[in-house]
């Protein structure tokens, strides 16, 4: 089968590999019908994900049809359309029981697909721990509507959930890439008083203004002054940092009011500095780390109810045979790209 594979630092290639087979009774084999490219794939390409294994098929955001299941799989059956979770998790260990599925202690727990084991930018994918890693797509939900459920939408939903947003809050979201927009969509479900999106790219600002007209937008160079003007208590009540550039972590804590929550969603390619003397007295609460993607059934229900729609984010579509072109467009933010779908 055709796969897009991490060869070495800076190099992905289309490679033929054998079709995967069941290795464990909790496995499922999924025929991939639609996949996508994530910023995390770009981080793998550039060596910023040390746990990524050379020779691994990349891709962790996909939907497909279950083709085969192991004897211990009970939640899905062959023929079911499913979303594939970015994380595989056992559901039984200490961390899973607390909802911290990113830290699952199973050997295949956490972010394995497309990182430590073969992922879904391929014709087929083996999904370990399939009882928790797959969710059936409702009949009225299309593949395109469900495509982002397992990764960027899961991240946005998790980020909004842990940020403790209330209806009295002014919320600042830094970054309007795919994850930032999913974070925005899920933040709006909380009905905060005011939402500000900080973004450098004019096309992405225009996208936010077109699709979410009640949301305020600002460029990074004007963000701090703008947030101070638009907030009542010396900064935003909640800040979600989704951009992950060299300067946005500092911007995030500076824009937060005293005793605010700063949720760091971004994956950085360089270490960030926490200048405690400079922020002394702000009494900030930082929430950081990888998504705990255990809310996919809930987000699928919200899609079915018409409360979440991520289809406008899919701005470009390419076949798997042209995935290299798709990466070129996505990585370099060409042609107003937000999200790319890969047809299999």
Protein backbone atom coordinates (compact mmCIF):
# COMPACT_ATOMS: atom_id res chain seq x y z
CA UNK A 1 0.00 0.00 0.00
CA UNK A 2 1.03 3.63 -0.50
CA UNK A 3 2.23 5.54 2.59
CA UNK A 4 3.79 8.91 3.37
CA UNK A 5 6.81 8.12 5.50
CA UNK A 6 9.36 9.94 7.68
CA UNK A 7 12.71 9.03 6.13
CA UNK A 8 15.06 11.33 8.06
CA UNK A 9 15.20 14.83 9.47
CA UNK A 10 13.73 17.13 6.82
CA UNK A 11 12.58 14.35 4.50
CA UNK A 12 9.22 12.62 3.95
CA UNK A 13 8.59 10.33 0.97
CA UNK A 14 5.84 8.25 -0.61
CA UNK A 15 6.80 4.65 0.15
CA UNK A 16 5.16 1.30 -0.57
CA UNK A 17 4.62 -0.80 2.57
CA UNK A 18 2.70 -4.01 3.30
CA UNK A 19 -0.89 -3.61 4.42
CA UNK A 20 -1.03 -3.73 8.25
CA UNK A 21 -2.35 -6.77 10.07
CA UNK A 22 -3.85 -7.43 13.48
CA UNK A 23 -1.03 -7.77 16.03
CA UNK A 24 -3.06 -7.66 19.25
CA UNK A 25 -6.61 -8.63 20.17
CA UNK A 26 -7.38 -4.94 20.85
CA UNK A 27 -6.30 -3.81 17.34
CA UNK A 28 -8.46 -2.67 14.46
CA UNK A 29 -7.49 -2.26 10.81
CA UNK A 30 -9.06 0.85 9.28
CA UNK A 31 -9.23 1.61 5.57
CA UNK A 32 -8.47 5.33 5.46
CA UNK A 33 -10.86 7.36 3.33
CA UNK A 34 -9.83 10.91 4.25
CA UNK A 35 -6.78 12.19 6.11
CA UNK A 36 -5.27 15.56 6.89
CA UNK A 37 -1.95 17.23 7.58
CA UNK A 38 -1.26 18.66 11.02
CA UNK A 39 1.34 21.14 12.22
CA UNK A 40 2.70 18.32 14.39
CA UNK A 41 3.61 16.49 11.18
CA UNK A 42 5.67 19.51 10.20
CA UNK A 43 7.37 19.42 13.61
CA UNK A 44 8.26 15.75 13.00
CA UNK A 45 9.70 16.64 9.61
CA UNK A 46 12.02 19.22 11.17
CA UNK A 47 13.16 17.03 14.06
CA UNK A 48 11.22 18.82 16.79
CA UNK A 49 9.48 15.64 18.02
CA UNK A 50 12.26 13.50 19.53
CA UNK A 51 10.00 10.48 20.08
CA UNK A 52 9.21 10.27 16.34
CA UNK A 53 10.73 7.17 14.75
CA UNK A 54 12.50 7.24 11.38
CA UNK A 55 10.65 5.04 8.91
CA UNK A 56 7.26 5.65 10.51
CA UNK A 57 4.25 6.45 8.33
CA UNK A 58 3.09 9.88 9.43
CA UNK A 59 -0.43 11.16 9.96
CA UNK A 60 -2.68 11.10 13.01
CA UNK A 61 -5.80 12.90 11.79
CA UNK A 62 -8.09 10.72 9.69
CA UNK A 63 -11.43 9.03 9.16
CA UNK A 64 -12.10 5.67 7.56
CA UNK A 65 -13.99 2.41 7.53
CA UNK A 66 -13.25 -0.46 9.91
CA UNK A 67 -12.08 -3.46 7.90
CA UNK A 68 -11.01 -5.93 10.57
CA UNK A 69 -11.04 -6.10 14.37
CA UNK A 70 -9.25 -8.10 17.03
CA UNK A 71 -11.16 -10.47 19.26
CA UNK A 72 -11.28 -8.00 22.19
CA UNK A 73 -12.72 -5.08 20.21
CA UNK A 74 -16.38 -4.49 21.04
CA UNK A 75 -17.15 -0.82 20.35
CA UNK A 76 -16.87 -0.95 16.54
CA UNK A 77 -17.36 -3.61 13.88
CA UNK A 78 -16.27 -4.06 10.26
CA UNK A 79 -18.08 -1.63 7.99
CA UNK A 80 -18.41 1.14 10.58
CA UNK A 81 -17.30 4.63 9.55
CA UNK A 82 -15.03 5.95 12.28
CA UNK A 83 -12.88 8.81 13.42
CA UNK A 84 -9.40 7.89 14.61
CA UNK A 85 -8.23 9.57 17.79
CA UNK A 86 -4.83 11.28 17.79
CA UNK A 87 -4.15 9.33 20.98
CA UNK A 88 -4.49 5.68 21.75
CA UNK A 89 -5.29 4.95 25.38
CA UNK A 90 -6.21 1.95 27.50
CA UNK A 91 -8.93 3.60 29.59
CA UNK A 92 -7.87 1.62 32.66
CA UNK A 93 -4.57 2.97 33.97
CA UNK A 94 -4.19 5.66 36.67
CA UNK A 95 -3.99 8.52 34.16
CA UNK A 96 -6.79 7.29 31.88
CA UNK A 97 -9.18 6.95 34.82
CA UNK A 98 -8.56 10.61 35.63
CA UNK A 99 -9.09 11.65 31.99
CA UNK A 100 -5.39 12.30 31.34
CA UNK A 101 -5.30 9.96 28.36
CA UNK A 102 -2.29 11.69 26.81
CA UNK A 103 -0.28 10.12 29.62
CA UNK A 104 -1.67 6.59 29.26
CA UNK A 105 0.93 4.13 30.51
CA UNK A 106 0.19 1.43 27.92
CA UNK A 107 3.11 0.84 25.54
CA UNK A 108 0.96 2.26 22.74
CA UNK A 109 -0.63 4.94 24.93
CA UNK A 110 -0.63 8.66 24.18
CA UNK A 111 0.47 9.99 20.81
CA UNK A 112 1.66 6.85 19.04
CA UNK A 113 -0.01 6.93 15.61
CA UNK A 114 2.12 8.68 13.03
CA UNK A 115 4.86 9.23 15.58
CA UNK A 116 6.03 6.00 17.23
CA UNK A 117 3.97 3.59 15.10
CA UNK A 118 2.65 3.84 11.55
CA UNK A 119 -0.08 6.43 11.10
CA UNK A 120 -2.81 7.30 8.66
CA UNK A 121 -1.39 9.17 5.68
CA UNK A 122 -1.73 5.80 4.01
CA UNK A 123 -4.32 3.49 2.53
CA UNK A 124 -4.71 1.49 5.75
CA UNK A 125 -3.79 1.99 9.41
CA UNK A 126 -3.60 -0.35 12.37
CA UNK A 127 -5.17 1.28 15.42
CA UNK A 128 -4.14 -0.21 18.79
CA UNK A 129 -6.55 -0.02 21.74
CA UNK A 130 -9.38 0.42 19.25
CA UNK A 131 -12.16 0.33 21.85
CA UNK A 132 -11.11 3.80 23.00
CA UNK A 133 -9.22 5.04 19.92
CA UNK A 134 -12.10 4.84 17.44
CA UNK A 135 -15.49 6.58 17.46
CA UNK A 136 -18.36 5.75 15.14
CA UNK A 137 -19.44 8.61 12.89
CA UNK A 138 -23.20 9.29 13.03
CA UNK A 139 -25.02 8.51 9.78
CA UNK A 140 -25.93 12.16 9.21
CA UNK A 141 -22.31 13.39 9.62
CA UNK A 142 -20.08 13.39 6.54
CA UNK A 143 -16.44 12.35 6.43
CA UNK A 144 -15.48 16.00 5.87
CA UNK A 145 -17.46 17.09 8.93
CA UNK A 146 -15.77 14.43 11.04
CA UNK A 147 -12.23 14.74 9.68
CA UNK A 148 -10.84 17.05 12.37
CA UNK A 149 -12.56 15.36 15.33
CA UNK A 150 -9.63 13.19 16.35
CA UNK A 151 -6.94 15.86 16.49
CA UNK A 152 -7.28 19.63 16.07
CA UNK A 153 -10.93 19.71 17.15
CA UNK A 154 -10.11 17.42 20.07
CA UNK A 155 -7.33 19.83 20.99
CA UNK A 156 -9.55 22.89 20.75
CA UNK A 157 -12.29 21.26 22.81
CA UNK A 158 -9.82 20.10 25.47
CA UNK A 159 -8.17 23.54 25.62
CA UNK A 160 -11.49 25.33 26.09
CA UNK A 161 -12.58 22.78 28.71
CA UNK A 162 -9.50 23.04 30.92
CA UNK A 163 -9.42 26.86 30.67
CA UNK A 164 -12.48 27.21 32.94
CA UNK A 165 -14.07 29.87 30.71
CA UNK A 166 -17.13 31.64 32.10
CA UNK A 167 -19.71 33.94 30.52
CA UNK A 168 -18.11 36.92 32.29
CA UNK A 169 -14.70 36.39 30.71
CA UNK A 170 -12.66 38.19 28.11
CA UNK A 171 -10.74 35.45 26.32
CA UNK A 172 -7.63 35.97 24.21
CA UNK A 173 -6.67 33.28 21.68
CA UNK A 174 -3.19 33.68 20.21
CA UNK A 175 -2.98 32.03 16.80
CA UNK A 176 -5.62 31.46 14.11
CA UNK A 177 -4.19 28.40 12.43
CA UNK A 178 -6.32 25.24 12.28
CA UNK A 179 -5.91 24.45 16.00
CA UNK A 180 -6.45 28.08 16.93
CA UNK A 181 -9.69 28.24 14.97
CA UNK A 182 -10.90 24.96 16.50
CA UNK A 183 -10.05 26.43 19.90
CA UNK A 184 -12.06 29.51 18.94
CA UNK A 185 -15.06 27.39 17.87
CA UNK A 186 -15.02 25.54 21.18
CA UNK A 187 -14.45 28.71 23.19
CA UNK A 188 -17.56 30.23 21.62
CA UNK A 189 -19.59 27.28 22.94
CA UNK A 190 -18.83 28.68 26.44
CA UNK A 191 -20.49 32.04 25.57
CA UNK A 192 -17.76 34.31 27.00
CA UNK A 193 -18.43 38.02 27.11
CA UNK A 194 -15.67 38.85 24.64
CA UNK A 195 -13.24 36.90 22.45
CA UNK A 196 -10.10 38.38 20.91
CA UNK A 197 -8.01 36.51 18.35
CA UNK A 198 -4.40 37.57 17.80
CA UNK A 199 -2.95 36.55 14.44
CA UNK A 200 -0.15 37.83 12.20
CA UNK A 201 -1.40 36.46 8.87
CA UNK A 202 -3.84 38.71 6.97
CA UNK A 203 -5.58 35.78 5.27
CA UNK A 204 -6.28 34.11 8.57
CA UNK A 205 -7.54 37.34 10.11
CA UNK A 206 -9.89 37.68 7.14
CA UNK A 207 -11.02 34.07 7.66
CA UNK A 208 -11.90 34.74 11.29
CA UNK A 209 -13.69 37.97 10.43
CA UNK A 210 -15.73 36.25 7.71
CA UNK A 211 -16.79 33.16 9.65
CA UNK A 212 -16.93 34.52 13.23
CA UNK A 213 -18.03 38.16 12.85
CA UNK A 214 -18.53 38.78 16.58
CA UNK A 215 -14.89 37.98 17.36
CA UNK A 216 -12.35 40.79 17.69
CA UNK A 217 -9.02 40.48 15.85
CA UNK A 218 -5.62 42.10 16.35
CA UNK A 219 -2.06 41.77 15.06
CA UNK A 220 0.66 40.62 17.51
CA UNK A 221 2.47 43.96 17.53
CA UNK A 222 -0.69 45.69 18.77
CA UNK A 223 -2.02 42.87 20.92
CA UNK A 224 -0.94 43.91 24.41
CA UNK A 225 -2.27 47.46 24.16
CA UNK A 226 -5.46 46.24 22.48
CA UNK A 227 -6.17 43.64 25.15
CA UNK A 228 -5.58 46.16 27.92
CA UNK A 229 -8.06 48.50 26.24
CA UNK A 230 -10.68 45.80 25.67
CA UNK A 231 -10.46 44.20 29.13
CA UNK A 232 -11.63 45.46 32.50
CA UNK A 233 -9.04 44.18 34.95
CA UNK A 234 -5.63 44.73 33.42
CA UNK A 235 -5.69 41.92 30.87
CA UNK A 236 -7.60 38.95 29.58
CA UNK A 237 -9.30 36.64 32.08
CA UNK A 238 -8.20 33.60 30.04
CA UNK A 239 -5.41 33.35 27.47
CA UNK A 240 -5.00 30.39 25.15
CA UNK A 241 -1.62 30.27 23.40
CA UNK A 242 -2.00 28.24 20.21
CA UNK A 243 0.63 29.80 17.95
CA UNK A 244 3.93 28.47 19.30
CA UNK A 245 6.29 31.07 17.87
CA UNK A 246 9.41 32.47 19.54
CA UNK A 247 7.48 35.43 20.96
CA UNK A 248 3.94 34.23 21.64
CA UNK A 249 4.57 32.58 25.00
CA UNK A 250 5.80 35.89 26.40
CA UNK A 251 2.88 37.68 24.77
CA UNK A 252 0.45 35.25 26.39
CA UNK A 253 1.46 35.86 29.99
CA UNK A 254 1.90 39.61 29.48
CA UNK A 255 -1.68 39.88 28.14
CA UNK A 256 -3.15 37.97 31.09
CA UNK A 257 -4.66 39.84 34.01
CA UNK A 258 -3.51 39.00 37.54
CA UNK A 259 -4.82 35.59 38.66
CA UNK A 260 -5.73 34.64 35.10
CA UNK A 261 -5.47 31.21 33.50
CA UNK A 262 -2.94 30.84 30.68
CA UNK A 263 -3.46 27.64 28.70
CA UNK A 264 -0.54 26.68 26.48
CA UNK A 265 -1.79 24.57 23.59
CA UNK A 266 1.15 25.23 21.25
CA UNK A 267 3.97 22.81 20.49
CA UNK A 268 7.23 24.79 20.45
CA UNK A 269 10.35 23.98 18.46
CA UNK A 270 12.53 25.81 21.01
CA UNK A 271 12.56 25.98 24.80
CA UNK A 272 10.58 28.84 26.32
CA UNK A 273 11.60 30.96 29.31
CA UNK A 274 9.39 31.41 32.35
CA UNK A 275 10.69 34.73 33.75
CA UNK A 276 9.30 34.44 37.26
CA UNK A 277 10.79 37.72 38.58
CA UNK A 278 9.09 39.64 35.76
CA UNK A 279 5.70 38.07 36.38
CA UNK A 280 5.93 38.03 40.17
CA UNK A 281 2.64 39.11 41.72
CA UNK A 282 0.51 38.27 38.68
CA UNK A 283 -0.31 34.93 40.35
CA UNK A 284 -0.97 33.21 37.05
CA UNK A 285 -2.15 29.64 36.61
CA UNK A 286 -0.49 27.89 33.67
CA UNK A 287 -2.08 24.84 32.07
CA UNK A 288 0.17 23.11 29.56
CA UNK A 289 0.76 19.93 27.65
CA UNK A 290 -0.64 17.61 25.03
CA UNK A 291 -4.35 17.19 24.35
CA UNK A 292 -6.31 14.66 26.37
CA UNK A 293 -8.40 13.58 23.40
CA UNK A 294 -11.17 11.73 25.21
CA UNK A 295 -14.12 13.93 24.18
CA UNK A 296 -14.53 12.76 20.58
CA UNK A 297 -17.96 11.19 21.12
CA UNK A 298 -19.19 14.48 22.57
CA UNK A 299 -17.79 16.58 19.72
CA UNK A 300 -19.31 14.21 17.15
CA UNK A 301 -22.68 14.73 18.85
CA UNK A 302 -22.21 18.51 18.72
CA UNK A 303 -21.42 18.25 15.00
CA UNK A 304 -24.54 16.15 14.48
CA UNK A 305 -26.57 18.81 16.32
CA UNK A 306 -25.15 21.59 14.14
CA UNK A 307 -23.34 23.29 17.03
CA UNK A 308 -19.85 22.69 15.61
CA UNK A 309 -18.87 23.03 11.96
CA UNK A 310 -15.21 22.70 10.98
CA UNK A 311 -15.76 22.17 7.25
CA UNK A 312 -14.86 25.80 6.34
CA UNK A 313 -11.34 25.04 7.60
CA UNK A 314 -10.81 22.49 4.80
CA UNK A 315 -9.62 24.88 2.12
CA UNK A 316 -7.62 22.47 -0.07
CA UNK A 317 -7.93 18.82 -1.12
CA UNK A 318 -5.25 16.58 -2.68
CA UNK A 319 -5.03 12.86 -3.44
CA UNK A 320 -2.48 10.80 -1.52
CA UNK A 321 -0.37 10.55 -4.67
CA UNK A 322 0.16 14.34 -4.53
CA UNK A 323 0.62 14.67 -0.78
CA UNK A 324 4.06 16.23 -1.23
CA UNK A 325 2.40 19.20 -2.97
CA UNK A 326 -0.13 19.39 -0.16
CA UNK A 327 2.67 19.61 2.43
CA UNK A 328 4.34 22.37 0.41
CA UNK A 329 1.14 24.42 0.43
CA UNK A 330 0.34 23.75 4.09
CA UNK A 331 3.82 24.28 5.52
CA UNK A 332 4.37 27.53 3.64
CA UNK A 333 0.80 28.83 4.16
CA UNK A 334 0.25 29.28 0.44
CA UNK A 335 -3.00 30.21 -1.30
CA UNK A 336 -4.86 31.08 1.92
CA UNK A 337 -4.62 27.52 3.19
CA UNK A 338 -6.09 26.64 6.55
CA UNK A 339 -6.44 22.87 6.42
CA UNK A 340 -5.71 20.27 3.73
CA UNK A 341 -7.73 17.10 3.18
CA UNK A 342 -6.00 14.08 1.64
CA UNK A 343 -8.25 11.71 -0.27
CA UNK A 344 -7.22 8.07 -0.23
